[in-house]
Amino acid sequence: MIRKIAISMLIGAVLLAGEGLPVLTLPRLAQEGYFPSPSMQEENSVHFSYASWYYDTDYSSINAYFDHYHIGFQGLISGNIEIRGDVPQTEPVGTTAYYNTVFFAGRNWVLNSSFSVKTTLKFVTERLYYASSWGGAADLEAVYAFQSPFRLLCGVENIGMMSPLLNQNTQLPTRYYLGADGRFNAFIVSLKAGTGNDGALFYRLGAAYVHPLFDVHYSFDRLQGVHHVGADLKWNKIRIGYGQYFHQRGLGYPMMFSIGLCF
């Protein structure tokens, strides 16, 4: 029976994020979506985000930044996965759910006026029916800022390993990439491109307009085939964000909301 469920969940993972452990590929902030590069100026803040993702899937995240440290949580619950038994049944004998979570913490190391390194460690879990798995992953990104408004990026995301889910390890969505961004007055453009464990090429691109009262973002993730448009309002220390996602494969148009407090 678990094999049938695992196959269903594999199909669901493809629909949700294009690969396993979808929580590691989902955006953390509604307004930024899949924007390729890190913020040029991170505020001390706490943000909570929520989205009703594809196919009865609830996704939420909590992100906190303080000085050069960051810590947070991402959680995904996909319900109503049908159980049809070892022998296929016309009607399901029940339903189960898939859980995927990650706790992360890290630091941005500013080495000099031009060079910085960002590190993140992650504890990842997933559960399907009675089978569960856990593992660890890490991100490493180096940023070099020129005297001009351009920056170069290079790094790796989600490098690590998982314990078996029943009898097979779920592959982490690892990315090796190069990137660049630039700021022109109130406009930011960004690009990131690289490859994954399977050798598939990917790229993300984004553009943003930054204003004292609001920000507007556009981003696109080629591997997952998702366009994103988002914006946030700035009122004193409060940030309210919204993101709309458009899947090229016609899987739906989920919305995401964020609320944050700066200090």
C-alpha atoms as a PDB file:
ATOM      1  CA  MET A   1       0.000   0.000   0.000  1.00  0.00           C
ATOM      2  CA  ILE A   2       2.773   2.439   0.841  1.00  0.00           C
ATOM      3  CA  ARG A   3       4.200   1.924  -2.628  1.00  0.00           C
ATOM      4  CA  LYS A   4       0.916   3.047  -4.166  1.00  0.00           C
ATOM      5  CA  ILE A   5       0.892   6.119  -1.949  1.00  0.00           C
ATOM      6  CA  ALA A   6       4.535   6.863  -2.735  1.00  0.00           C
ATOM      7  CA  ILE A   7       3.763   6.776  -6.447  1.00  0.00           C
ATOM      8  CA  SER A   8       0.850   9.153  -5.880  1.00  0.00           C
ATOM      9  CA  MET A   9       3.063  11.442  -3.868  1.00  0.00           C
ATOM     10  CA  LEU A  10       5.772  11.354  -6.519  1.00  0.00           C
ATOM     11  CA  ILE A  11       3.207  12.529  -9.044  1.00  0.00           C
ATOM     12  CA  GLY A  12       2.064  15.172  -6.571  1.00  0.00           C
ATOM     13  CA  ALA A  13       5.627  16.372  -6.028  1.00  0.00           C
ATOM     14  CA  VAL A  14       6.083  16.764  -9.773  1.00  0.00           C
ATOM     15  CA  LEU A  15       2.912  18.816  -9.925  1.00  0.00           C
ATOM     16  CA  LEU A  16       3.806  20.874  -6.869  1.00  0.00           C
ATOM     17  CA  ALA A  17       7.412  21.704  -7.498  1.00  0.00           C
ATOM     18  CA  GLY A  18       8.904  19.593 -10.266  1.00  0.00           C
ATOM     19  CA  GLU A  19      10.825  17.302  -7.882  1.00  0.00           C
ATOM     20  CA  GLY A  20      10.879  15.867  -4.364  1.00  0.00           C
ATOM     21  CA  LEU A  21      10.991  17.821  -1.089  1.00  0.00           C
ATOM     22  CA  PRO A  22       8.978  20.698  -2.559  1.00  0.00           C
ATOM     23  CA  VAL A  23       9.250  22.841   0.586  1.00  0.00           C
ATOM     24  CA  LEU A  24      12.903  23.510  -0.275  1.00  0.00           C
ATOM     25  CA  THR A  25      11.968  25.097  -3.601  1.00  0.00           C
ATOM     26  CA  LEU A  26       9.052  27.278  -2.477  1.00  0.00           C
ATOM     27  CA  PRO A  27       9.420  31.044  -1.927  1.00  0.00           C
ATOM     28  CA  ARG A  28       9.722  32.365   1.624  1.00  0.00           C
ATOM     29  CA  LEU A  29       8.163  35.798   1.086  1.00  0.00           C
ATOM     30  CA  ALA A  30       5.026  36.520  -0.941  1.00  0.00           C
ATOM     31  CA  GLN A  31       6.308  39.773  -2.385  1.00  0.00           C
ATOM     32  CA  GLU A  32       9.731  38.450  -3.474  1.00  0.00           C
ATOM     33  CA  GLY A  33       8.648  35.098  -4.910  1.00  0.00           C
ATOM     34  CA  TYR A  34      11.493  33.488  -6.868  1.00  0.00           C
ATOM     35  CA  PHE A  35      13.601  36.648  -7.017  1.00  0.00           C
ATOM     36  CA  PRO A  36      17.107  35.305  -7.799  1.00  0.00           C
ATOM     37  CA  SER A  37      19.420  37.357  -5.586  1.00  0.00           C
ATOM     38  CA  PRO A  38      19.407  38.159  -1.875  1.00  0.00           C
ATOM     39  CA  SER A  39      18.251  41.523  -0.642  1.00  0.00           C
ATOM     40  CA  MET A  40      20.834  44.276  -0.982  1.00  0.00           C
ATOM     41  CA  GLN A  41      19.893  45.565   2.455  1.00  0.00           C
ATOM     42  CA  GLU A  42      18.269  43.149   4.909  1.00  0.00           C
ATOM     43  CA  GLU A  43      16.233  44.838   7.641  1.00  0.00           C
ATOM     44  CA  ASN A  44      15.985  43.410  11.148  1.00  0.00           C
ATOM     45  CA  SER A  45      12.538  41.883  10.855  1.00  0.00           C
ATOM     46  CA  VAL A  46      10.171  38.963  11.372  1.00  0.00           C
ATOM     47  CA  HIS A  47       7.882  37.803   8.556  1.00  0.00           C
ATOM     48  CA  PHE A  48       5.063  35.246   8.426  1.00  0.00           C
ATOM     49  CA  SER A  49       3.830  33.974   5.048  1.00  0.00           C
ATOM     50  CA  TYR A  50       0.962  31.694   4.029  1.00  0.00           C
ATOM     51  CA  ALA A  51      -0.229  30.237   0.719  1.00  0.00           C
ATOM     52  CA  SER A  52      -2.921  27.834  -0.350  1.00  0.00           C
ATOM     53  CA  TRP A  53      -0.721  26.032  -2.880  1.00  0.00           C
ATOM     54  CA  TYR A  54      -1.712  23.494  -5.513  1.00  0.00           C
ATOM     55  CA  TYR A  55      -4.118  20.597  -4.857  1.00  0.00           C
ATOM     56  CA  ASP A  56      -5.263  21.038  -1.219  1.00  0.00           C
ATOM     57  CA  THR A  57      -1.770  21.973  -0.102  1.00  0.00           C
ATOM     58  CA  ASP A  58      -1.172  24.484   2.702  1.00  0.00           C
ATOM     59  CA  TYR A  59       2.213  26.169   2.860  1.00  0.00           C
ATOM     60  CA  SER A  60       3.546  28.567   5.502  1.00  0.00           C
ATOM     61  CA  SER A  61       6.888  30.063   6.471  1.00  0.00           C
ATOM     62  CA  ILE A  62       8.400  32.158   9.266  1.00  0.00           C
ATOM     63  CA  ASN A  63      11.566  34.165   8.634  1.00  0.00           C
ATOM     64  CA  ALA A  64      13.502  36.272  11.135  1.00  0.00           C
ATOM     65  CA  TYR A  65      16.537  38.491  10.433  1.00  0.00           C
ATOM     66  CA  PHE A  66      18.639  40.108  13.129  1.00  0.00           C
ATOM     67  CA  ASP A  67      21.888  41.897  12.289  1.00  0.00           C
ATOM     68  CA  HIS A  68      23.698  39.300  10.167  1.00  0.00           C
ATOM     69  CA  TYR A  69      21.741  36.250  11.411  1.00  0.00           C
ATOM     70  CA  HIS A  70      18.654  34.578   9.976  1.00  0.00           C
ATOM     71  CA  ILE A  71      16.444  31.783  11.297  1.00  0.00           C
ATOM     72  CA  GLY A  72      13.134  30.329  10.230  1.00  0.00           C
ATOM     73  CA  PHE A  73      10.705  27.545   9.396  1.00  0.00           C
ATOM     74  CA  GLN A  74       8.903  26.333   6.278  1.00  0.00           C
ATOM     75  CA  GLY A  75       6.105  23.779   6.354  1.00  0.00           C
ATOM     76  CA  LEU A  76       3.945  22.125   3.712  1.00  0.00           C
ATOM     77  CA  ILE A  77       0.941  19.825   4.237  1.00  0.00           C
ATOM     78  CA  SER A  78      -0.689  18.139   1.259  1.00  0.00           C
ATOM     79  CA  GLY A  79      -3.926  16.357   2.195  1.00  0.00           C
ATOM     80  CA  ASN A  80      -6.520  14.106   0.590  1.00  0.00           C
ATOM     81  CA  ILE A  81      -4.016  11.685  -0.955  1.00  0.00           C
ATOM     82  CA  GLU A  82      -6.089   8.624  -1.789  1.00  0.00           C
ATOM     83  CA  ILE A  83      -5.198   5.158  -0.466  1.00  0.00           C
ATOM     84  CA  ARG A  84      -6.301   2.393  -2.821  1.00  0.00           C
ATOM     85  CA  GLY A  85      -4.467  -0.589  -1.326  1.00  0.00           C
ATOM     86  CA  ASP A  86      -2.012  -3.093  -2.789  1.00  0.00           C
ATOM     87  CA  VAL A  87      -4.733  -4.248  -5.196  1.00  0.00           C
ATOM     88  CA  PRO A  88      -6.199  -1.206  -6.982  1.00  0.00           C
ATOM     89  CA  GLN A  89      -9.724  -0.378  -5.833  1.00  0.00           C
ATOM     90  CA  THR A  90     -12.445   1.462  -7.726  1.00  0.00           C
ATOM     91  CA  GLU A  91     -13.044   3.628  -4.682  1.00  0.00           C
ATOM     92  CA  PRO A  92     -10.296   4.723  -2.248  1.00  0.00           C
ATOM     93  CA  VAL A  93     -10.250   2.960   1.126  1.00  0.00           C
ATOM     94  CA  GLY A  94      -9.111   6.144   2.835  1.00  0.00           C
ATOM     95  CA  THR A  95      -6.918   9.200   2.566  1.00  0.00           C
ATOM     96  CA  THR A  96      -3.587  10.267   3.989  1.00  0.00           C
ATOM     97  CA  ALA A  97      -1.385  13.381   3.911  1.00  0.00           C
ATOM     98  CA  TYR A  98       2.172  14.340   3.040  1.00  0.00           C
ATOM     99  CA  TYR A  99       4.206  16.549   5.401  1.00  0.00           C
ATOM    100  CA  ASN A 100       7.428  18.338   4.458  1.00  0.00           C
ATOM    101  CA  THR A 101       9.155  20.788   6.834  1.00  0.00           C
ATOM    102  CA  VAL A 102      12.481  22.570   7.187  1.00  0.00           C
ATOM    103  CA  PHE A 103      14.048  24.484  10.075  1.00  0.00           C
ATOM    104  CA  PHE A 104      16.948  26.699   9.032  1.00  0.00           C
ATOM    105  CA  ALA A 105      19.502  29.053  10.549  1.00  0.00           C
ATOM    106  CA  GLY A 106      22.447  30.917   9.150  1.00  0.00           C
ATOM    107  CA  ARG A 107      24.595  33.997   9.005  1.00  0.00           C
ATOM    108  CA  ASN A 108      25.799  36.565   6.493  1.00  0.00           C
ATOM    109  CA  TRP A 109      29.571  37.076   6.904  1.00  0.00           C
ATOM    110  CA  VAL A 110      30.695  40.516   5.685  1.00  0.00           C
ATOM    111  CA  LEU A 111      34.421  40.124   5.007  1.00  0.00           C
ATOM    112  CA  ASN A 112      35.078  43.611   3.599  1.00  0.00           C
ATOM    113  CA  SER A 113      33.319  46.384   1.688  1.00  0.00           C
ATOM    114  CA  SER A 114      33.107  44.231  -1.436  1.00  0.00           C
ATOM    115  CA  PHE A 115      32.968  40.572  -0.404  1.00  0.00           C
ATOM    116  CA  SER A 116      30.420  38.689   1.722  1.00  0.00           C
ATOM    117  CA  VAL A 117      29.457  35.055   2.275  1.00  0.00           C
ATOM    118  CA  LYS A 118      26.038  33.762   3.326  1.00  0.00           C
ATOM    119  CA  THR A 119      25.703  30.337   4.979  1.00  0.00           C
ATOM    120  CA  THR A 120      22.544  28.436   5.933  1.00  0.00           C
ATOM    121  CA  LEU A 121      22.060  25.063   7.634  1.00  0.00           C
ATOM    122  CA  LYS A 122      18.739  23.197   7.342  1.00  0.00           C
ATOM    123  CA  PHE A 123      17.045  20.318   9.150  1.00  0.00           C
ATOM    124  CA  VAL A 124      14.571  18.687   6.760  1.00  0.00           C
ATOM    125  CA  THR A 125      11.771  16.186   7.483  1.00  0.00           C
ATOM    126  CA  GLU A 126       9.061  14.527   5.439  1.00  0.00           C
ATOM    127  CA  ARG A 127       6.292  12.092   6.309  1.00  0.00           C
ATOM    128  CA  LEU A 128       3.889  10.070   4.156  1.00  0.00           C
ATOM    129  CA  TYR A 129       1.350   7.724   5.765  1.00  0.00           C
ATOM    130  CA  TYR A 130       3.429   5.810   8.351  1.00  0.00           C
ATOM    131  CA  ALA A 131       6.797   6.343   6.613  1.00  0.00           C
ATOM    132  CA  SER A 132       9.025   9.246   7.676  1.00  0.00           C
ATOM    133  CA  SER A 133      12.421  10.596   6.715  1.00  0.00           C
ATOM    134  CA  TRP A 134      14.810  13.288   7.885  1.00  0.00           C
ATOM    135  CA  GLY A 135      18.056  14.833   6.748  1.00  0.00           C
ATOM    136  CA  GLY A 136      20.264  17.873   6.536  1.00  0.00           C
ATOM    137  CA  ALA A 137      21.061  20.415   3.852  1.00  0.00           C
ATOM    138  CA  ALA A 138      23.176  23.530   3.472  1.00  0.00           C
ATOM    139  CA  ASP A 139      23.334  26.665   1.335  1.00  0.00           C
ATOM    140  CA  LEU A 140      26.507  28.595   0.604  1.00  0.00           C
ATOM    141  CA  GLU A 141      26.581  31.821  -1.396  1.00  0.00           C
ATOM    142  CA  ALA A 142      29.406  34.255  -2.095  1.00  0.00           C
ATOM    143  CA  VAL A 143      28.669  37.824  -3.211  1.00  0.00           C
ATOM    144  CA  TYR A 144      31.161  40.274  -4.698  1.00  0.00           C
ATOM    145  CA  ALA A 145      30.035  43.907  -5.001  1.00  0.00           C
ATOM    146  CA  PHE A 146      31.799  46.247  -7.412  1.00  0.00           C
ATOM    147  CA  GLN A 147      32.119  49.997  -6.870  1.00  0.00           C
ATOM    148  CA  SER A 148      29.425  50.281  -9.529  1.00  0.00           C
ATOM    149  CA  PRO A 149      25.905  49.047  -8.670  1.00  0.00           C
ATOM    150  CA  PHE A 150      26.666  45.526  -9.941  1.00  0.00           C
ATOM    151  CA  ARG A 151      27.189  42.368  -7.879  1.00  0.00           C
ATOM    152  CA  LEU A 152      28.324  38.854  -8.825  1.00  0.00           C
ATOM    153  CA  LEU A 153      26.932  35.765  -7.080  1.00  0.00           C
ATOM    154  CA  CYS A 154      27.964  32.122  -6.940  1.00  0.00           C
ATOM    155  CA  GLY A 155      26.860  29.318  -4.699  1.00  0.00           C
ATOM    156  CA  VAL A 156      25.075  26.065  -4.006  1.00  0.00           C
ATOM    157  CA  GLU A 157      21.603  25.428  -2.571  1.00  0.00           C
ATOM    158  CA  ASN A 158      20.295  22.360  -0.760  1.00  0.00           C
ATOM    159  CA  ILE A 159      23.415  20.232  -0.756  1.00  0.00           C
ATOM    160  CA  GLY A 160      23.065  17.355   1.711  1.00  0.00           C
ATOM    161  CA  MET A 161      21.288  14.019   2.144  1.00  0.00           C
ATOM    162  CA  MET A 162      18.114  12.397   3.480  1.00  0.00           C
ATOM    163  CA  SER A 163      17.439   9.133   5.303  1.00  0.00           C
ATOM    164  CA  PRO A 164      15.270   6.609   3.391  1.00  0.00           C
ATOM    165  CA  LEU A 165      11.521   7.212   3.133  1.00  0.00           C
ATOM    166  CA  LEU A 166      10.477   3.580   3.591  1.00  0.00           C
ATOM    167  CA  ASN A 167      13.282   2.121   1.426  1.00  0.00           C
ATOM    168  CA  GLN A 168      14.345   4.950  -0.888  1.00  0.00           C
ATOM    169  CA  ASN A 169      16.077   8.264  -0.231  1.00  0.00           C
ATOM    170  CA  THR A 170      14.326  11.366  -1.509  1.00  0.00           C
ATOM    171  CA  GLN A 171      16.731  13.397  -3.604  1.00  0.00           C
ATOM    172  CA  LEU A 172      17.396  16.931  -2.443  1.00  0.00           C
ATOM    173  CA  PRO A 173      16.728  19.652  -5.068  1.00  0.00           C
ATOM    174  CA  THR A 174      20.371  20.777  -5.211  1.00  0.00           C
ATOM    175  CA  ARG A 175      21.352  23.781  -7.329  1.00  0.00           C
ATOM    176  CA  TYR A 176      24.838  24.981  -8.378  1.00  0.00           C
ATOM    177  CA  TYR A 177      24.690  28.456  -9.831  1.00  0.00           C
ATOM    178  CA  LEU A 178      26.236  31.741 -10.929  1.00  0.00           C
ATOM    179  CA  GLY A 179      24.400  35.037 -10.963  1.00  0.00           C
ATOM    180  CA  ALA A 180      24.512  38.803 -11.142  1.00  0.00           C
ATOM    181  CA  ASP A 181      22.358  41.761 -10.223  1.00  0.00           C
ATOM    182  CA  GLY A 182      22.415  45.525 -10.554  1.00  0.00           C
ATOM    183  CA  ARG A 183      20.625  48.493  -9.057  1.00  0.00           C
ATOM    184  CA  PHE A 184      19.763  51.530 -11.156  1.00  0.00           C
ATOM    185  CA  ASN A 185      18.199  54.202  -8.965  1.00  0.00           C
ATOM    186  CA  ALA A 186      14.954  52.558  -7.778  1.00  0.00           C
ATOM    187  CA  PHE A 187      15.143  49.569 -10.162  1.00  0.00           C
ATOM    188  CA  ILE A 188      16.841  46.206  -9.521  1.00  0.00           C
ATOM    189  CA  VAL A 189      17.443  43.470 -12.113  1.00  0.00           C
ATOM    190  CA  SER A 190      18.729  40.017 -11.232  1.00  0.00           C
ATOM    191  CA  LEU A 191      19.646  36.742 -12.950  1.00  0.00           C
ATOM    192  CA  LYS A 192      20.761  33.360 -11.653  1.00  0.00           C
ATOM    193  CA  ALA A 193      21.577  30.279 -13.764  1.00  0.00           C
ATOM    194  CA  GLY A 194      23.102  26.874 -13.143  1.00  0.00           C
ATOM    195  CA  THR A 195      22.441  23.158 -12.947  1.00  0.00           C
ATOM    196  CA  GLY A 196      21.014  20.567 -10.577  1.00  0.00           C
ATOM    197  CA  ASN A 197      22.031  17.057  -9.537  1.00  0.00           C
ATOM    198  CA  ASP A 198      20.469  15.590 -12.672  1.00  0.00           C
ATOM    199  CA  GLY A 199      22.342  17.983 -14.945  1.00  0.00           C
ATOM    200  CA  ALA A 200      19.195  19.866 -15.917  1.00  0.00           C
ATOM    201  CA  LEU A 201      19.859  23.532 -16.603  1.00  0.00           C
ATOM    202  CA  PHE A 202      17.813  26.141 -14.784  1.00  0.00           C
ATOM    203  CA  TYR A 203      17.594  29.879 -14.511  1.00  0.00           C
ATOM    204  CA  ARG A 204      15.732  32.468 -12.482  1.00  0.00           C
ATOM    205  CA  LEU A 205      15.280  36.083 -13.457  1.00  0.00           C
ATOM    206  CA  GLY A 206      13.704  39.016 -11.703  1.00  0.00           C
ATOM    207  CA  ALA A 207      13.062  42.741 -11.743  1.00  0.00           C
ATOM    208  CA  ALA A 208      11.984  45.008  -8.900  1.00  0.00           C
ATOM    209  CA  TYR A 209      10.987  48.599  -8.243  1.00  0.00           C
ATOM    210  CA  VAL A 210      11.830  49.862  -4.748  1.00  0.00           C
ATOM    211  CA  HIS A 211       9.998  52.825  -3.201  1.00  0.00           C
ATOM    212  CA  PRO A 212       9.870  54.163   0.385  1.00  0.00           C
ATOM    213  CA  LEU A 213       6.161  53.244   0.563  1.00  0.00           C
ATOM    214  CA  PHE A 214       6.022  50.034  -1.503  1.00  0.00           C
ATOM    215  CA  ASP A 215       8.021  47.517  -3.552  1.00  0.00           C
ATOM    216  CA  VAL A 216       6.974  45.675  -6.718  1.00  0.00           C
ATOM    217  CA  HIS A 217       8.619  42.416  -7.860  1.00  0.00           C
ATOM    218  CA  TYR A 218       8.492  40.166 -10.898  1.00  0.00           C
ATOM    219  CA  SER A 219      10.283  36.809 -10.988  1.00  0.00           C
ATOM    220  CA  PHE A 220      10.372  33.660 -13.098  1.00  0.00           C
ATOM    221  CA  ASP A 221      11.691  30.181 -12.287  1.00  0.00           C
ATOM    222  CA  ARG A 222      12.383  28.273 -15.520  1.00  0.00           C
ATOM    223  CA  LEU A 223      12.802  24.813 -13.983  1.00  0.00           C
ATOM    224  CA  GLN A 224       9.413  24.929 -12.261  1.00  0.00           C
ATOM    225  CA  GLY A 225       7.812  27.006 -14.991  1.00  0.00           C
ATOM    226  CA  VAL A 226       6.313  29.601 -12.636  1.00  0.00           C
ATOM    227  CA  HIS A 227       5.873  33.347 -13.174  1.00  0.00           C
ATOM    228  CA  HIS A 228       5.404  35.532 -10.095  1.00  0.00           C
ATOM    229  CA  VAL A 229       4.189  39.081  -9.542  1.00  0.00           C
ATOM    230  CA  GLY A 230       4.276  40.525  -6.038  1.00  0.00           C
ATOM    231  CA  ALA A 231       4.180  43.735  -4.058  1.00  0.00           C
ATOM    232  CA  ASP A 232       4.424  44.895  -0.461  1.00  0.00           C
ATOM    233  CA  LEU A 233       3.209  47.962   1.393  1.00  0.00           C
ATOM    234  CA  LYS A 234       5.412  49.707   3.948  1.00  0.00           C
ATOM    235  CA  TRP A 235       3.651  51.455   6.818  1.00  0.00           C
ATOM    236  CA  ASN A 236       5.950  52.534   9.638  1.00  0.00           C
ATOM    237  CA  LYS A 237       7.479  49.241  10.820  1.00  0.00           C
ATOM    238  CA  ILE A 238       4.816  47.015   9.257  1.00  0.00           C
ATOM    239  CA  ARG A 239       5.212  45.211   5.931  1.00  0.00           C
ATOM    240  CA  ILE A 240       2.242  43.607   4.135  1.00  0.00           C
ATOM    241  CA  GLY A 241       3.054  41.499   1.082  1.00  0.00           C
ATOM    242  CA  TYR A 242       1.106  39.754  -1.666  1.00  0.00           C
ATOM    243  CA  GLY A 243       2.246  37.377  -4.398  1.00  0.00           C
ATOM    244  CA  GLN A 244       0.433  35.864  -7.366  1.00  0.00           C
ATOM    245  CA  TYR A 245       1.874  32.791  -9.105  1.00  0.00           C
ATOM    246  CA  PHE A 246       1.167  31.683 -12.679  1.00  0.00           C
ATOM    247  CA  HIS A 247       2.149  28.121 -13.598  1.00  0.00           C
ATOM    248  CA  GLN A 248       3.021  27.609 -17.263  1.00  0.00           C
ATOM    249  CA  ARG A 249       1.737  24.023 -17.166  1.00  0.00           C
ATOM    250  CA  GLY A 250      -1.747  25.185 -16.210  1.00  0.00           C
ATOM    251  CA  LEU A 251      -1.703  23.710 -12.709  1.00  0.00           C
ATOM    252  CA  GLY A 252      -3.276  26.775 -11.108  1.00  0.00           C
ATOM    253  CA  TYR A 253      -2.715  30.313  -9.883  1.00  0.00           C
ATOM    254  CA  PRO A 254      -2.033  30.216  -6.137  1.00  0.00           C
ATOM    255  CA  MET A 255      -1.850  33.361  -4.014  1.00  0.00           C
ATOM    256  CA  MET A 256       0.542  34.015  -1.135  1.00  0.00           C
ATOM    257  CA  PHE A 257       0.349  36.550   1.682  1.00  0.00           C
ATOM    258  CA  SER A 258       3.027  37.886   4.046  1.00  0.00           C
ATOM    259  CA  ILE A 259       2.976  40.150   7.066  1.00  0.00           C
ATOM    260  CA  GLY A 260       6.145  41.432   8.718  1.00  0.00           C
ATOM    261  CA  LEU A 261       7.394  43.667  11.476  1.00  0.00           C
ATOM    262  CA  CYS A 262      10.694  45.570  11.253  1.00  0.00           C
ATOM    263  CA  PHE A 263      12.642  46.669  14.317  1.00  0.00           C
END
